[in-house]
PDB file of N, CA and C in Angstrom:
ATOM      1  N   MET A   1       6.833 -32.240 -25.935  1.00  0.00           N
ATOM      2  CA  MET A   1       6.592 -30.848 -26.198  1.00  0.00           C
ATOM      3  C   MET A   1       7.638 -30.348 -27.188  1.00  0.00           C
ATOM      4  N   THR A   2       7.185 -29.697 -28.210  1.00  0.00           N
ATOM      5  CA  THR A   2       8.108 -29.200 -29.223  1.00  0.00           C
ATOM      6  C   THR A   2       8.333 -27.704 -29.045  1.00  0.00           C
ATOM      7  N   LEU A   3       9.485 -27.272 -29.462  1.00  0.00           N
ATOM      8  CA  LEU A   3       9.844 -25.863 -29.377  1.00  0.00           C
ATOM      9  C   LEU A   3       9.631 -25.223 -30.733  1.00  0.00           C
ATOM     10  N   ARG A   4       8.739 -24.257 -30.771  1.00  0.00           N
ATOM     11  CA  ARG A   4       8.507 -23.537 -32.012  1.00  0.00           C
ATOM     12  C   ARG A   4       9.436 -22.341 -32.050  1.00  0.00           C
ATOM     13  N   ILE A   5      10.153 -22.213 -33.152  1.00  0.00           N
ATOM     14  CA  ILE A   5      11.151 -21.157 -33.290  1.00  0.00           C
ATOM     15  C   ILE A   5      10.511 -19.771 -33.293  1.00  0.00           C
ATOM     16  N   ASP A   6       9.309 -19.651 -33.862  1.00  0.00           N
ATOM     17  CA  ASP A   6       8.666 -18.340 -33.889  1.00  0.00           C
ATOM     18  C   ASP A   6       8.266 -17.872 -32.492  1.00  0.00           C
ATOM     19  N   ILE A   7       7.835 -18.792 -31.644  1.00  0.00           N
ATOM     20  CA  ILE A   7       7.488 -18.443 -30.267  1.00  0.00           C
ATOM     21  C   ILE A   7       8.748 -18.062 -29.489  1.00  0.00           C
ATOM     22  N   LEU A   8       9.829 -18.807 -29.695  1.00  0.00           N
ATOM     23  CA  LEU A   8      11.091 -18.498 -29.028  1.00  0.00           C
ATOM     24  C   LEU A   8      11.605 -17.119 -29.439  1.00  0.00           C
ATOM     25  N   LEU A   9      11.549 -16.811 -30.733  1.00  0.00           N
ATOM     26  CA  LEU A   9      11.978 -15.499 -31.215  1.00  0.00           C
ATOM     27  C   LEU A   9      11.086 -14.380 -30.662  1.00  0.00           C
ATOM     28  N   LEU A  10       9.796 -14.653 -30.529  1.00  0.00           N
ATOM     29  CA  LEU A  10       8.881 -13.676 -29.959  1.00  0.00           C
ATOM     30  C   LEU A  10       9.233 -13.393 -28.489  1.00  0.00           C
ATOM     31  N   ILE A  11       9.550 -14.433 -27.737  1.00  0.00           N
ATOM     32  CA  ILE A  11       9.934 -14.263 -26.332  1.00  0.00           C
ATOM     33  C   ILE A  11      11.229 -13.465 -26.227  1.00  0.00           C
ATOM     34  N   ILE A  12      12.197 -13.760 -27.075  1.00  0.00           N
ATOM     35  CA  ILE A  12      13.466 -13.025 -27.062  1.00  0.00           C
ATOM     36  C   ILE A  12      13.244 -11.564 -27.441  1.00  0.00           C
ATOM     37  N   ALA A  13      12.409 -11.307 -28.429  1.00  0.00           N
ATOM     38  CA  ALA A  13      12.117  -9.930 -28.834  1.00  0.00           C
ATOM     39  C   ALA A  13      11.407  -9.166 -27.723  1.00  0.00           C
ATOM     40  N   CYS A  14      10.463  -9.812 -27.056  1.00  0.00           N
ATOM     41  CA  CYS A  14       9.765  -9.163 -25.943  1.00  0.00           C
ATOM     42  C   CYS A  14      10.735  -8.841 -24.814  1.00  0.00           C
ATOM     43  N   ALA A  15      11.669  -9.750 -24.539  1.00  0.00           N
ATOM     44  CA  ALA A  15      12.669  -9.500 -23.501  1.00  0.00           C
ATOM     45  C   ALA A  15      13.549  -8.322 -23.875  1.00  0.00           C
ATOM     46  N   ALA A  16      13.963  -8.250 -25.120  1.00  0.00           N
ATOM     47  CA  ALA A  16      14.815  -7.148 -25.572  1.00  0.00           C
ATOM     48  C   ALA A  16      14.075  -5.813 -25.487  1.00  0.00           C
ATOM     49  N   VAL A  17      12.822  -5.807 -25.905  1.00  0.00           N
ATOM     50  CA  VAL A  17      12.037  -4.573 -25.866  1.00  0.00           C
ATOM     51  C   VAL A  17      11.811  -4.129 -24.419  1.00  0.00           C
ATOM     52  N   THR A  18      11.763  -5.062 -23.501  1.00  0.00           N
ATOM     53  CA  THR A  18      11.572  -4.719 -22.095  1.00  0.00           C
ATOM     54  C   THR A  18      12.877  -4.282 -21.437  1.00  0.00           C
ATOM     55  N   ILE A  19      13.968  -4.949 -21.739  1.00  0.00           N
ATOM     56  CA  ILE A  19      15.240  -4.695 -21.058  1.00  0.00           C
ATOM     57  C   ILE A  19      15.913  -3.418 -21.557  1.00  0.00           C
ATOM     58  N   VAL A  20      15.915  -3.186 -22.851  1.00  0.00           N
ATOM     59  CA  VAL A  20      16.650  -2.045 -23.411  1.00  0.00           C
ATOM     60  C   VAL A  20      16.192  -0.709 -22.821  1.00  0.00           C
ATOM     61  N   PRO A  21      14.892  -0.405 -22.740  1.00  0.00           N
ATOM     62  CA  PRO A  21      14.510   0.889 -22.168  1.00  0.00           C
ATOM     63  C   PRO A  21      14.838   1.020 -20.683  1.00  0.00           C
ATOM     64  N   ARG A  22      15.030  -0.091 -20.002  1.00  0.00           N
ATOM     65  CA  ARG A  22      15.364  -0.021 -18.576  1.00  0.00           C
ATOM     66  C   ARG A  22      16.865   0.077 -18.342  1.00  0.00           C
ATOM     67  N   VAL A  23      17.646  -0.604 -19.149  1.00  0.00           N
ATOM     68  CA  VAL A  23      19.090  -0.645 -18.941  1.00  0.00           C
ATOM     69  C   VAL A  23      19.775   0.566 -19.573  1.00  0.00           C
ATOM     70  N   LEU A  24      19.348   0.974 -20.745  1.00  0.00           N
ATOM     71  CA  LEU A  24      19.999   2.074 -21.453  1.00  0.00           C
ATOM     72  C   LEU A  24      20.053   3.373 -20.633  1.00  0.00           C
ATOM     73  N   PRO A  25      18.962   3.811 -19.994  1.00  0.00           N
ATOM     74  CA  PRO A  25      19.073   5.021 -19.174  1.00  0.00           C
ATOM     75  C   PRO A  25      20.032   4.853 -17.991  1.00  0.00           C
ATOM     76  N   LEU A  26      20.083   3.664 -17.409  1.00  0.00           N
ATOM     77  CA  LEU A  26      21.017   3.447 -16.298  1.00  0.00           C
ATOM     78  C   LEU A  26      22.463   3.537 -16.761  1.00  0.00           C
ATOM     79  N   VAL A  27      22.745   2.993 -17.917  1.00  0.00           N
ATOM     80  CA  VAL A  27      24.109   3.051 -18.451  1.00  0.00           C
ATOM     81  C   VAL A  27      24.489   4.493 -18.774  1.00  0.00           C
ATOM     82  N   LEU A  28      23.588   5.227 -19.400  1.00  0.00           N
ATOM     83  CA  LEU A  28      23.871   6.612 -19.748  1.00  0.00           C
ATOM     84  C   LEU A  28      23.946   7.507 -18.508  1.00  0.00           C
ATOM     85  N   ALA A  29      23.069   7.285 -17.534  1.00  0.00           N
ATOM     86  CA  ALA A  29      23.053   8.116 -16.332  1.00  0.00           C
ATOM     87  C   ALA A  29      24.254   7.856 -15.443  1.00  0.00           C
ATOM     88  N   ASN A  30      24.866   6.701 -15.577  1.00  0.00           N
ATOM     89  CA  ASN A  30      26.041   6.373 -14.768  1.00  0.00           C
ATOM     90  C   ASN A  30      27.203   7.314 -15.084  1.00  0.00           C
ATOM     91  N   ARG A  31      27.267   7.804 -16.288  1.00  0.00           N
ATOM     92  CA  ARG A  31      28.352   8.687 -16.709  1.00  0.00           C
ATOM     93  C   ARG A  31      28.022  10.158 -16.483  1.00  0.00           C
ATOM     94  N   LEU A  32      26.808  10.458 -16.126  1.00  0.00           N
ATOM     95  CA  LEU A  32      26.353  11.831 -15.970  1.00  0.00           C
ATOM     96  C   LEU A  32      26.674  12.341 -14.572  1.00  0.00           C
ATOM     97  N   VAL A  33      27.245  13.525 -14.488  1.00  0.00           N
ATOM     98  CA  VAL A  33      27.549  14.160 -13.203  1.00  0.00           C
ATOM     99  C   VAL A  33      26.535  15.279 -12.980  1.00  0.00           C
ATOM    100  N   LEU A  34      25.777  15.160 -11.905  1.00  0.00           N
ATOM    101  CA  LEU A  34      24.740  16.139 -11.604  1.00  0.00           C
ATOM    102  C   LEU A  34      25.170  17.040 -10.447  1.00  0.00           C
ATOM    103  N   PRO A  35      24.662  18.254 -10.416  1.00  0.00           N
ATOM    104  CA  PRO A  35      24.944  19.126  -9.277  1.00  0.00           C
ATOM    105  C   PRO A  35      24.355  18.526  -7.989  1.00  0.00           C
ATOM    106  N   PRO A  36      24.960  18.820  -6.851  1.00  0.00           N
ATOM    107  CA  PRO A  36      24.483  18.244  -5.583  1.00  0.00           C
ATOM    108  C   PRO A  36      23.011  18.547  -5.282  1.00  0.00           C
ATOM    109  N   LYS A  37      22.531  19.740  -5.618  1.00  0.00           N
ATOM    110  CA  LYS A  37      21.125  20.069  -5.359  1.00  0.00           C
ATOM    111  C   LYS A  37      20.184  19.208  -6.199  1.00  0.00           C
ATOM    112  N   VAL A  38      20.569  18.928  -7.417  1.00  0.00           N
ATOM    113  CA  VAL A  38      19.750  18.073  -8.283  1.00  0.00           C
ATOM    114  C   VAL A  38      19.740  16.646  -7.751  1.00  0.00           C
ATOM    115  N   GLU A  39      20.886  16.152  -7.305  1.00  0.00           N
ATOM    116  CA  GLU A  39      20.942  14.807  -6.726  1.00  0.00           C
ATOM    117  C   GLU A  39      20.071  14.703  -5.475  1.00  0.00           C
ATOM    118  N   LEU A  40      20.116  15.730  -4.633  1.00  0.00           N
ATOM    119  CA  LEU A  40      19.281  15.745  -3.433  1.00  0.00           C
ATOM    120  C   LEU A  40      17.805  15.721  -3.797  1.00  0.00           C
ATOM    121  N   TRP A  41      17.425  16.500  -4.800  1.00  0.00           N
ATOM    122  CA  TRP A  41      16.040  16.533  -5.247  1.00  0.00           C
ATOM    123  C   TRP A  41      15.616  15.172  -5.814  1.00  0.00           C
ATOM    124  N   LEU A  42      16.492  14.546  -6.594  1.00  0.00           N
ATOM    125  CA  LEU A  42      16.161  13.252  -7.197  1.00  0.00           C
ATOM    126  C   LEU A  42      16.031  12.153  -6.157  1.00  0.00           C
ATOM    127  N   ARG A  43      16.765  12.264  -5.054  1.00  0.00           N
ATOM    128  CA  ARG A  43      16.652  11.249  -3.990  1.00  0.00           C
ATOM    129  C   ARG A  43      15.289  11.290  -3.315  1.00  0.00           C
ATOM    130  N   GLN A  44      14.578  12.399  -3.412  1.00  0.00           N
ATOM    131  CA  GLN A  44      13.271  12.524  -2.767  1.00  0.00           C
ATOM    132  C   GLN A  44      12.140  11.931  -3.609  1.00  0.00           C
ATOM    133  N   ILE A  45      12.378  11.664  -4.859  1.00  0.00           N
ATOM    134  CA  ILE A  45      11.318  11.185  -5.747  1.00  0.00           C
ATOM    135  C   ILE A  45      10.720   9.847  -5.302  1.00  0.00           C
ATOM    136  N   PRO A  46      11.508   8.820  -4.933  1.00  0.00           N
ATOM    137  CA  PRO A  46      10.873   7.571  -4.504  1.00  0.00           C
ATOM    138  C   PRO A  46       9.941   7.745  -3.308  1.00  0.00           C
ATOM    139  N   VAL A  47      10.316   8.580  -2.355  1.00  0.00           N
ATOM    140  CA  VAL A  47       9.467   8.819  -1.195  1.00  0.00           C
ATOM    141  C   VAL A  47       8.168   9.484  -1.627  1.00  0.00           C
ATOM    142  N   ALA A  48       8.252  10.433  -2.533  1.00  0.00           N
ATOM    143  CA  ALA A  48       7.058  11.129  -3.002  1.00  0.00           C
ATOM    144  C   ALA A  48       6.129  10.191  -3.766  1.00  0.00           C
ATOM    145  N   VAL A  49       6.688   9.331  -4.579  1.00  0.00           N
ATOM    146  CA  VAL A  49       5.871   8.397  -5.366  1.00  0.00           C
ATOM    147  C   VAL A  49       5.169   7.399  -4.453  1.00  0.00           C
ATOM    148  N   ILE A  50       5.910   6.813  -3.524  1.00  0.00           N
ATOM    149  CA  ILE A  50       5.307   5.848  -2.591  1.00  0.00           C
ATOM    150  C   ILE A  50       4.226   6.530  -1.763  1.00  0.00           C
ATOM    151  N   SER A  51       4.502   7.741  -1.301  1.00  0.00           N
ATOM    152  CA  SER A  51       3.509   8.471  -0.510  1.00  0.00           C
ATOM    153  C   SER A  51       2.238   8.713  -1.318  1.00  0.00           C
ATOM    154  N   ALA A  52       2.394   9.139  -2.552  1.00  0.00           N
ATOM    155  CA  ALA A  52       1.224   9.414  -3.389  1.00  0.00           C
ATOM    156  C   ALA A  52       0.409   8.150  -3.624  1.00  0.00           C
ATOM    157  N   LEU A  53       1.068   7.029  -3.817  1.00  0.00           N
ATOM    158  CA  LEU A  53       0.345   5.781  -4.077  1.00  0.00           C
ATOM    159  C   LEU A  53      -0.362   5.258  -2.836  1.00  0.00           C
ATOM    160  N   PHE A  54       0.336   5.249  -1.718  1.00  0.00           N
ATOM    161  CA  PHE A  54      -0.209   4.606  -0.531  1.00  0.00           C
ATOM    162  C   PHE A  54      -1.161   5.488   0.263  1.00  0.00           C
ATOM    163  N   PHE A  55      -0.870   6.770   0.387  1.00  0.00           N
ATOM    164  CA  PHE A  55      -1.731   7.616   1.199  1.00  0.00           C
ATOM    165  C   PHE A  55      -3.116   7.764   0.597  1.00  0.00           C
ATOM    166  N   ARG A  56      -3.206   7.755  -0.706  1.00  0.00           N
ATOM    167  CA  ARG A  56      -4.527   7.817  -1.336  1.00  0.00           C
ATOM    168  C   ARG A  56      -5.343   6.590  -0.957  1.00  0.00           C
ATOM    169  N   GLU A  57      -4.722   5.431  -1.021  1.00  0.00           N
ATOM    170  CA  GLU A  57      -5.419   4.189  -0.676  1.00  0.00           C
ATOM    171  C   GLU A  57      -5.760   4.150   0.812  1.00  0.00           C
ATOM    172  N   ILE A  58      -4.839   4.610   1.637  1.00  0.00           N
ATOM    173  CA  ILE A  58      -5.078   4.586   3.080  1.00  0.00           C
ATOM    174  C   ILE A  58      -6.209   5.537   3.455  1.00  0.00           C
ATOM    175  N   LEU A  59      -6.187   6.743   2.923  1.00  0.00           N
ATOM    176  CA  LEU A  59      -7.179   7.734   3.316  1.00  0.00           C
ATOM    177  C   LEU A  59      -8.555   7.490   2.720  1.00  0.00           C
ATOM    178  N   PHE A  60      -8.622   6.965   1.506  1.00  0.00           N
ATOM    179  CA  PHE A  60      -9.908   6.788   0.851  1.00  0.00           C
ATOM    180  C   PHE A  60     -10.332   5.325   0.735  1.00  0.00           C
ATOM    181  N   GLY A  61      -9.539   4.411   1.273  1.00  0.00           N
ATOM    182  CA  GLY A  61      -9.848   2.992   1.153  1.00  0.00           C
ATOM    183  C   GLY A  61     -10.816   2.463   2.186  1.00  0.00           C
ATOM    184  N   GLY A  62     -11.072   3.212   3.210  1.00  0.00           N
ATOM    185  CA  GLY A  62     -11.997   2.756   4.235  1.00  0.00           C
ATOM    186  C   GLY A  62     -11.304   2.584   5.575  1.00  0.00           C
ATOM    187  N   GLY A  63     -12.063   2.199   6.565  1.00  0.00           N
ATOM    188  CA  GLY A  63     -11.581   2.114   7.936  1.00  0.00           C
ATOM    189  C   GLY A  63     -10.477   1.108   8.150  1.00  0.00           C
ATOM    190  N   ILE A  64     -10.573  -0.049   7.522  1.00  0.00           N
ATOM    191  CA  ILE A  64      -9.556  -1.086   7.706  1.00  0.00           C
ATOM    192  C   ILE A  64      -8.216  -0.613   7.135  1.00  0.00           C
ATOM    193  N   HIS A  65      -8.254   0.013   5.983  1.00  0.00           N
ATOM    194  CA  HIS A  65      -7.028   0.525   5.365  1.00  0.00           C
ATOM    195  C   HIS A  65      -6.401   1.601   6.240  1.00  0.00           C
ATOM    196  N   LEU A  66      -7.237   2.476   6.759  1.00  0.00           N
ATOM    197  CA  LEU A  66      -6.738   3.560   7.606  1.00  0.00           C
ATOM    198  C   LEU A  66      -6.125   3.007   8.892  1.00  0.00           C
ATOM    199  N   ALA A  67      -6.776   2.030   9.504  1.00  0.00           N
ATOM    200  CA  ALA A  67      -6.252   1.434  10.735  1.00  0.00           C
ATOM    201  C   ALA A  67      -4.916   0.744  10.485  1.00  0.00           C
ATOM    202  N   ALA A  68      -4.810   0.013   9.387  1.00  0.00           N
ATOM    203  CA  ALA A  68      -3.547  -0.661   9.067  1.00  0.00           C
ATOM    204  C   ALA A  68      -2.459   0.358   8.756  1.00  0.00           C
ATOM    205  N   GLY A  69      -2.814   1.432   8.068  1.00  0.00           N
ATOM    206  CA  GLY A  69      -1.845   2.486   7.770  1.00  0.00           C
ATOM    207  C   GLY A  69      -1.351   3.180   9.023  1.00  0.00           C
ATOM    208  N   ILE A  70      -2.259   3.446   9.959  1.00  0.00           N
ATOM    209  CA  ILE A  70      -1.858   4.067  11.223  1.00  0.00           C
ATOM    210  C   ILE A  70      -0.970   3.127  12.022  1.00  0.00           C
ATOM    211  N   ALA A  71      -1.306   1.836  12.042  1.00  0.00           N
ATOM    212  CA  ALA A  71      -0.464   0.860  12.748  1.00  0.00           C
ATOM    213  C   ALA A  71       0.931   0.801  12.138  1.00  0.00           C
ATOM    214  N   ALA A  72       1.014   0.818  10.817  1.00  0.00           N
ATOM    215  CA  ALA A  72       2.320   0.795  10.152  1.00  0.00           C
ATOM    216  C   ALA A  72       3.095   2.079  10.431  1.00  0.00           C
ATOM    217  N   LEU A  73       2.401   3.205  10.438  1.00  0.00           N
ATOM    218  CA  LEU A  73       3.053   4.483  10.723  1.00  0.00           C
ATOM    219  C   LEU A  73       3.586   4.533  12.156  1.00  0.00           C
ATOM    220  N   LEU A  74       2.796   4.071  13.105  1.00  0.00           N
ATOM    221  CA  LEU A  74       3.254   4.020  14.498  1.00  0.00           C
ATOM    222  C   LEU A  74       4.442   3.076  14.655  1.00  0.00           C
ATOM    223  N   THR A  75       4.392   1.956  13.946  1.00  0.00           N
ATOM    224  CA  THR A  75       5.520   1.015  13.977  1.00  0.00           C
ATOM    225  C   THR A  75       6.768   1.673  13.410  1.00  0.00           C
ATOM    226  N   ALA A  76       6.605   2.459  12.350  1.00  0.00           N
ATOM    227  CA  ALA A  76       7.751   3.139  11.746  1.00  0.00           C
ATOM    228  C   ALA A  76       8.383   4.123  12.722  1.00  0.00           C
ATOM    229  N   PHE A  77       7.560   4.790  13.527  1.00  0.00           N
ATOM    230  CA  PHE A  77       8.115   5.720  14.507  1.00  0.00           C
ATOM    231  C   PHE A  77       8.839   4.993  15.631  1.00  0.00           C
ATOM    232  N   VAL A  78       8.376   3.786  15.959  1.00  0.00           N
ATOM    233  CA  VAL A  78       8.978   3.042  17.072  1.00  0.00           C
ATOM    234  C   VAL A  78      10.251   2.324  16.648  1.00  0.00           C
ATOM    235  N   VAL A  79      10.201   1.552  15.561  1.00  0.00           N
ATOM    236  CA  VAL A  79      11.346   0.697  15.199  1.00  0.00           C
ATOM    237  C   VAL A  79      12.362   1.375  14.306  1.00  0.00           C
ATOM    238  N   ARG A  80      11.987   2.417  13.597  1.00  0.00           N
ATOM    239  CA  ARG A  80      12.898   3.185  12.742  1.00  0.00           C
ATOM    240  C   ARG A  80      13.752   2.299  11.829  1.00  0.00           C
ATOM    241  N   ARG A  81      13.577   2.451  10.555  1.00  0.00           N
ATOM    242  CA  ARG A  81      14.381   1.803   9.516  1.00  0.00           C
ATOM    243  C   ARG A  81      14.268   0.278   9.474  1.00  0.00           C
ATOM    244  N   ASN A  82      13.297  -0.308  10.123  1.00  0.00           N
ATOM    245  CA  ASN A  82      13.097  -1.746  10.024  1.00  0.00           C
ATOM    246  C   ASN A  82      11.865  -1.974   9.144  1.00  0.00           C
ATOM    247  N   LEU A  83      12.095  -1.957   7.847  1.00  0.00           N
ATOM    248  CA  LEU A  83      11.006  -2.032   6.885  1.00  0.00           C
ATOM    249  C   LEU A  83      10.216  -3.332   7.005  1.00  0.00           C
ATOM    250  N   VAL A  84      10.888  -4.411   7.316  1.00  0.00           N
ATOM    251  CA  VAL A  84      10.205  -5.703   7.441  1.00  0.00           C
ATOM    252  C   VAL A  84       9.180  -5.650   8.565  1.00  0.00           C
ATOM    253  N   ALA A  85       9.563  -5.093   9.706  1.00  0.00           N
ATOM    254  CA  ALA A  85       8.629  -5.003  10.834  1.00  0.00           C
ATOM    255  C   ALA A  85       7.446  -4.101  10.493  1.00  0.00           C
ATOM    256  N   ILE A  86       7.706  -3.015   9.798  1.00  0.00           N
ATOM    257  CA  ILE A  86       6.632  -2.087   9.430  1.00  0.00           C
ATOM    258  C   ILE A  86       5.625  -2.777   8.514  1.00  0.00           C
ATOM    259  N   VAL A  87       6.123  -3.484   7.520  1.00  0.00           N
ATOM    260  CA  VAL A  87       5.237  -4.177   6.573  1.00  0.00           C
ATOM    261  C   VAL A  87       4.475  -5.294   7.272  1.00  0.00           C
ATOM    262  N   ILE A  88       5.150  -6.061   8.103  1.00  0.00           N
ATOM    263  CA  ILE A  88       4.491  -7.179   8.797  1.00  0.00           C
ATOM    264  C   ILE A  88       3.387  -6.664   9.714  1.00  0.00           C
ATOM    265  N   ILE A  89       3.656  -5.620  10.475  1.00  0.00           N
ATOM    266  CA  ILE A  89       2.630  -5.071  11.374  1.00  0.00           C
ATOM    267  C   ILE A  89       1.446  -4.533  10.576  1.00  0.00           C
ATOM    268  N   GLY A  90       1.717  -3.783   9.528  1.00  0.00           N
ATOM    269  CA  GLY A  90       0.632  -3.254   8.703  1.00  0.00           C
ATOM    270  C   GLY A  90      -0.209  -4.362   8.090  1.00  0.00           C
ATOM    271  N   MET A  91       0.440  -5.390   7.567  1.00  0.00           N
ATOM    272  CA  MET A  91      -0.293  -6.507   6.959  1.00  0.00           C
ATOM    273  C   MET A  91      -1.058  -7.307   8.014  1.00  0.00           C
ATOM    274  N   ALA A  92      -0.461  -7.471   9.180  1.00  0.00           N
ATOM    275  CA  ALA A  92      -1.123  -8.229  10.245  1.00  0.00           C
ATOM    276  C   ALA A  92      -2.390  -7.504  10.712  1.00  0.00           C
ATOM    277  N   VAL A  93      -2.287  -6.200  10.910  1.00  0.00           N
ATOM    278  CA  VAL A  93      -3.460  -5.435  11.336  1.00  0.00           C
ATOM    279  C   VAL A  93      -4.531  -5.473  10.252  1.00  0.00           C
ATOM    280  N   TYR A  94      -4.138  -5.306   9.009  1.00  0.00           N
ATOM    281  CA  TYR A  94      -5.105  -5.358   7.911  1.00  0.00           C
ATOM    282  C   TYR A  94      -5.777  -6.732   7.827  1.00  0.00           C
ATOM    283  N   SER A  95      -4.975  -7.796   7.930  1.00  0.00           N
ATOM    284  CA  SER A  95      -5.525  -9.150   7.846  1.00  0.00           C
ATOM    285  C   SER A  95      -6.463  -9.432   9.012  1.00  0.00           C
ATOM    286  N   LEU A  96      -6.059  -9.049  10.207  1.00  0.00           N
ATOM    287  CA  LEU A  96      -6.887  -9.291  11.384  1.00  0.00           C
ATOM    288  C   LEU A  96      -8.211  -8.536  11.297  1.00  0.00           C
ATOM    289  N   LEU A  97      -8.152  -7.266  10.936  1.00  0.00           N
ATOM    290  CA  LEU A  97      -9.385  -6.498  10.820  1.00  0.00           C
ATOM    291  C   LEU A  97     -10.262  -6.985   9.672  1.00  0.00           C
ATOM    292  N   SER A  98      -9.658  -7.407   8.585  1.00  0.00           N
ATOM    293  CA  SER A  98     -10.442  -7.967   7.467  1.00  0.00           C
ATOM    294  C   SER A  98     -11.135  -9.248   7.893  1.00  0.00           C
ATOM    295  N   PHE A  99     -10.448 -10.066   8.666  1.00  0.00           N
ATOM    296  CA  PHE A  99     -11.027 -11.319   9.153  1.00  0.00           C
ATOM    297  C   PHE A  99     -12.178 -11.049  10.114  1.00  0.00           C
ATOM    298  N   ILE A 100     -12.022 -10.052  10.978  1.00  0.00           N
ATOM    299  CA  ILE A 100     -13.046  -9.760  11.979  1.00  0.00           C
ATOM    300  C   ILE A 100     -14.280  -9.107  11.342  1.00  0.00           C
ATOM    301  N   PHE A 101     -14.076  -8.156  10.455  1.00  0.00           N
ATOM    302  CA  PHE A 101     -15.186  -7.365   9.957  1.00  0.00           C
ATOM    303  C   PHE A 101     -15.756  -7.806   8.614  1.00  0.00           C
ATOM    304  N   GLN A 102     -15.184  -8.796   7.977  1.00  0.00           N
ATOM    305  CA  GLN A 102     -15.726  -9.204   6.682  1.00  0.00           C
ATOM    306  C   GLN A 102     -16.052 -10.662   6.653  1.00  0.00           C
TER     307      GLN A 102
END
């Protein structure tokens, strides 16, 4: 197998175009001091994004999705902060119901 220099340069350029927009804001934001209220507001964004993505699928995805979502939610109330258990229970319920009903 031969290494073509143009393909290698293309891969390096694609990596640079991907990495720079992700790293540059982190480097610049590291030096930025925000007011406490703004920091509190920004900490809520990941929860809001995940909620928007998953709840739409759970509510409109059908019965199996809703059942798995409810199982994961109940697990979250019981085990608190054990993300692995929440994901495993949700996936197990979804897999089991998919196997039974499809």
